[in-house]
């Protein structure tokens, strides 16, 4: 299983949709970490996303662009993406963010970034 720890691998204060929102935005997360991690997965392998290690929370724009953007950009279809993702967190409040991520992935039209 591959592991992506957002707080340690990306930053402790992820925020915003794109570059105008600072360097720790959802687009940068998707392009620099999430997409490469997904591309490196072997068939049948899963990607564990650690949500709460050093991160206090996430804004909807970061989650939408970071995770939903994978679908929007046509990198992967939502059902396939959901089948390879697992989430880990110790703080039960982060269940909220997991549910938001799943909803953004399900609701984003495939390859709609044209």
C-alpha atoms as a PDB file:
ATOM      1  CA  UNK A   1       0.000   0.000   0.000  1.00  0.00           C
ATOM      2  CA  UNK A   2       1.275   3.446  -0.907  1.00  0.00           C
ATOM      3  CA  UNK A   3       0.926   6.203   1.681  1.00  0.00           C
ATOM      4  CA  UNK A   4       0.398   9.924   1.205  1.00  0.00           C
ATOM      5  CA  UNK A   5       0.532  11.957   4.395  1.00  0.00           C
ATOM      6  CA  UNK A   6      -0.833  15.399   3.530  1.00  0.00           C
ATOM      7  CA  UNK A   7       0.531  17.180   6.614  1.00  0.00           C
ATOM      8  CA  UNK A   8       4.030  15.715   6.309  1.00  0.00           C
ATOM      9  CA  UNK A   9       4.390  15.333   2.530  1.00  0.00           C
ATOM     10  CA  UNK A  10       2.633  18.520   1.417  1.00  0.00           C
ATOM     11  CA  UNK A  11       2.155  20.995   4.245  1.00  0.00           C
ATOM     12  CA  UNK A  12       0.419  21.690   7.521  1.00  0.00           C
ATOM     13  CA  UNK A  13      -1.832  24.451   6.205  1.00  0.00           C
ATOM     14  CA  UNK A  14      -3.338  23.319   2.889  1.00  0.00           C
ATOM     15  CA  UNK A  15      -5.712  25.951   1.609  1.00  0.00           C
ATOM     16  CA  UNK A  16      -7.415  27.274  -1.472  1.00  0.00           C
ATOM     17  CA  UNK A  17      -8.093  26.103  -4.974  1.00  0.00           C
ATOM     18  CA  UNK A  18      -5.215  27.414  -7.078  1.00  0.00           C
ATOM     19  CA  UNK A  19      -1.919  29.336  -7.123  1.00  0.00           C
ATOM     20  CA  UNK A  20      -3.466  32.686  -6.224  1.00  0.00           C
ATOM     21  CA  UNK A  21      -4.378  31.114  -2.859  1.00  0.00           C
ATOM     22  CA  UNK A  22      -0.751  30.393  -1.984  1.00  0.00           C
ATOM     23  CA  UNK A  23       1.655  27.523  -2.532  1.00  0.00           C
ATOM     24  CA  UNK A  24      -0.278  24.909  -0.531  1.00  0.00           C
ATOM     25  CA  UNK A  25      -3.361  24.954  -2.759  1.00  0.00           C
ATOM     26  CA  UNK A  26      -5.469  22.075  -4.039  1.00  0.00           C
ATOM     27  CA  UNK A  27      -4.170  22.260  -7.600  1.00  0.00           C
ATOM     28  CA  UNK A  28      -0.541  22.039  -6.404  1.00  0.00           C
ATOM     29  CA  UNK A  29      -1.417  19.099  -4.151  1.00  0.00           C
ATOM     30  CA  UNK A  30      -3.124  17.277  -7.015  1.00  0.00           C
ATOM     31  CA  UNK A  31      -0.396  17.884  -9.577  1.00  0.00           C
ATOM     32  CA  UNK A  32       2.692  17.515  -7.370  1.00  0.00           C
ATOM     33  CA  UNK A  33       1.630  14.697  -5.042  1.00  0.00           C
ATOM     34  CA  UNK A  34      -1.734  13.059  -5.611  1.00  0.00           C
ATOM     35  CA  UNK A  35      -1.579  12.383  -9.353  1.00  0.00           C
ATOM     36  CA  UNK A  36       2.037  11.114  -9.239  1.00  0.00           C
ATOM     37  CA  UNK A  37       1.140   8.840  -6.305  1.00  0.00           C
ATOM     38  CA  UNK A  38      -1.850   7.420  -8.188  1.00  0.00           C
ATOM     39  CA  UNK A  39       0.207   6.985 -11.364  1.00  0.00           C
ATOM     40  CA  UNK A  40       2.825   4.941  -9.477  1.00  0.00           C
ATOM     41  CA  UNK A  41       0.322   2.460  -8.031  1.00  0.00           C
ATOM     42  CA  UNK A  42       0.667  -1.136  -9.136  1.00  0.00           C
ATOM     43  CA  UNK A  43      -2.473  -3.015 -10.230  1.00  0.00           C
ATOM     44  CA  UNK A  44      -4.537  -3.849  -7.157  1.00  0.00           C
ATOM     45  CA  UNK A  45      -2.552  -1.505  -4.909  1.00  0.00           C
ATOM     46  CA  UNK A  46      -4.312   1.090  -2.755  1.00  0.00           C
ATOM     47  CA  UNK A  47      -3.326   4.608  -1.739  1.00  0.00           C
ATOM     48  CA  UNK A  48      -3.657   5.443   1.947  1.00  0.00           C
ATOM     49  CA  UNK A  49      -4.318   9.154   2.535  1.00  0.00           C
ATOM     50  CA  UNK A  50      -3.405  10.302   6.055  1.00  0.00           C
ATOM     51  CA  UNK A  51      -5.570  13.327   6.749  1.00  0.00           C
ATOM     52  CA  UNK A  52      -4.810  14.523  10.282  1.00  0.00           C
ATOM     53  CA  UNK A  53      -1.053  14.324  10.882  1.00  0.00           C
ATOM     54  CA  UNK A  54      -0.246  17.969  11.554  1.00  0.00           C
ATOM     55  CA  UNK A  55      -3.257  19.374   9.692  1.00  0.00           C
ATOM     56  CA  UNK A  56      -6.048  21.100  11.619  1.00  0.00           C
ATOM     57  CA  UNK A  57      -8.585  20.938   8.801  1.00  0.00           C
ATOM     58  CA  UNK A  58      -9.350  21.536   5.140  1.00  0.00           C
ATOM     59  CA  UNK A  59     -11.368  24.050   3.206  1.00  0.00           C
ATOM     60  CA  UNK A  60     -13.844  22.865   0.617  1.00  0.00           C
ATOM     61  CA  UNK A  61     -11.960  24.551  -2.227  1.00  0.00           C
ATOM     62  CA  UNK A  62      -8.758  22.623  -1.414  1.00  0.00           C
ATOM     63  CA  UNK A  63     -10.576  19.283  -1.228  1.00  0.00           C
ATOM     64  CA  UNK A  64     -12.662  19.941  -4.318  1.00  0.00           C
ATOM     65  CA  UNK A  65      -9.686  20.944  -6.452  1.00  0.00           C
ATOM     66  CA  UNK A  66      -7.278  18.415  -5.031  1.00  0.00           C
ATOM     67  CA  UNK A  67      -9.449  15.312  -5.106  1.00  0.00           C
ATOM     68  CA  UNK A  68     -12.365  16.239  -7.368  1.00  0.00           C
ATOM     69  CA  UNK A  69      -9.849  17.757  -9.760  1.00  0.00           C
ATOM     70  CA  UNK A  70      -8.504  14.285 -10.500  1.00  0.00           C
ATOM     71  CA  UNK A  71     -11.873  13.532 -12.082  1.00  0.00           C
ATOM     72  CA  UNK A  72     -12.383  16.990 -13.598  1.00  0.00           C
ATOM     73  CA  UNK A  73      -9.025  16.809 -15.394  1.00  0.00           C
ATOM     74  CA  UNK A  74      -9.789  13.344 -16.756  1.00  0.00           C
ATOM     75  CA  UNK A  75      -6.949  11.635 -14.882  1.00  0.00           C
ATOM     76  CA  UNK A  76      -9.137   8.867 -13.467  1.00  0.00           C
ATOM     77  CA  UNK A  77     -12.825   8.000 -13.293  1.00  0.00           C
ATOM     78  CA  UNK A  78     -14.591   8.437  -9.971  1.00  0.00           C
ATOM     79  CA  UNK A  79     -15.438   4.774  -9.353  1.00  0.00           C
ATOM     80  CA  UNK A  80     -11.854   3.688 -10.025  1.00  0.00           C
ATOM     81  CA  UNK A  81     -10.467   6.506  -7.865  1.00  0.00           C
ATOM     82  CA  UNK A  82     -12.708   5.614  -4.932  1.00  0.00           C
ATOM     83  CA  UNK A  83     -11.734   1.950  -5.241  1.00  0.00           C
ATOM     84  CA  UNK A  84      -8.031   2.714  -4.736  1.00  0.00           C
ATOM     85  CA  UNK A  85      -8.316   5.268  -1.917  1.00  0.00           C
ATOM     86  CA  UNK A  86      -8.288   4.596   1.804  1.00  0.00           C
ATOM     87  CA  UNK A  87      -8.286   7.253   4.505  1.00  0.00           C
ATOM     88  CA  UNK A  88      -6.604   7.260   7.864  1.00  0.00           C
ATOM     89  CA  UNK A  89      -6.963   9.672  10.779  1.00  0.00           C
ATOM     90  CA  UNK A  90      -6.898   9.434  14.548  1.00  0.00           C
ATOM     91  CA  UNK A  91      -9.127  12.440  15.181  1.00  0.00           C
ATOM     92  CA  UNK A  92     -12.763  11.355  14.653  1.00  0.00           C
ATOM     93  CA  UNK A  93     -13.622  14.889  13.484  1.00  0.00           C
ATOM     94  CA  UNK A  94     -11.741  14.088  10.262  1.00  0.00           C
ATOM     95  CA  UNK A  95     -14.505  11.704   9.205  1.00  0.00           C
ATOM     96  CA  UNK A  96     -16.205  14.904   8.025  1.00  0.00           C
ATOM     97  CA  UNK A  97     -13.331  15.612   5.603  1.00  0.00           C
ATOM     98  CA  UNK A  98     -13.304  12.034   4.333  1.00  0.00           C
ATOM     99  CA  UNK A  99     -17.019  12.319   3.535  1.00  0.00           C
ATOM    100  CA  UNK A 100     -16.454  15.655   1.765  1.00  0.00           C
ATOM    101  CA  UNK A 101     -13.664  14.149  -0.351  1.00  0.00           C
ATOM    102  CA  UNK A 102     -15.842  11.206  -1.349  1.00  0.00           C
ATOM    103  CA  UNK A 103     -18.718  13.521  -2.263  1.00  0.00           C
ATOM    104  CA  UNK A 104     -16.465  15.747  -4.411  1.00  0.00           C
ATOM    105  CA  UNK A 105     -15.125  12.705  -6.230  1.00  0.00           C
ATOM    106  CA  UNK A 106     -18.635  11.338  -6.856  1.00  0.00           C
ATOM    107  CA  UNK A 107     -20.139  14.686  -7.895  1.00  0.00           C
ATOM    108  CA  UNK A 108     -17.414  15.908 -10.276  1.00  0.00           C
ATOM    109  CA  UNK A 109     -18.115  15.243 -13.968  1.00  0.00           C
ATOM    110  CA  UNK A 110     -15.337  13.279 -15.678  1.00  0.00           C
ATOM    111  CA  UNK A 111     -13.031  15.271 -17.948  1.00  0.00           C
ATOM    112  CA  UNK A 112     -15.087  18.465 -17.512  1.00  0.00           C
ATOM    113  CA  UNK A 113     -12.058  20.787 -17.372  1.00  0.00           C
ATOM    114  CA  UNK A 114     -12.225  21.834 -21.014  1.00  0.00           C
END
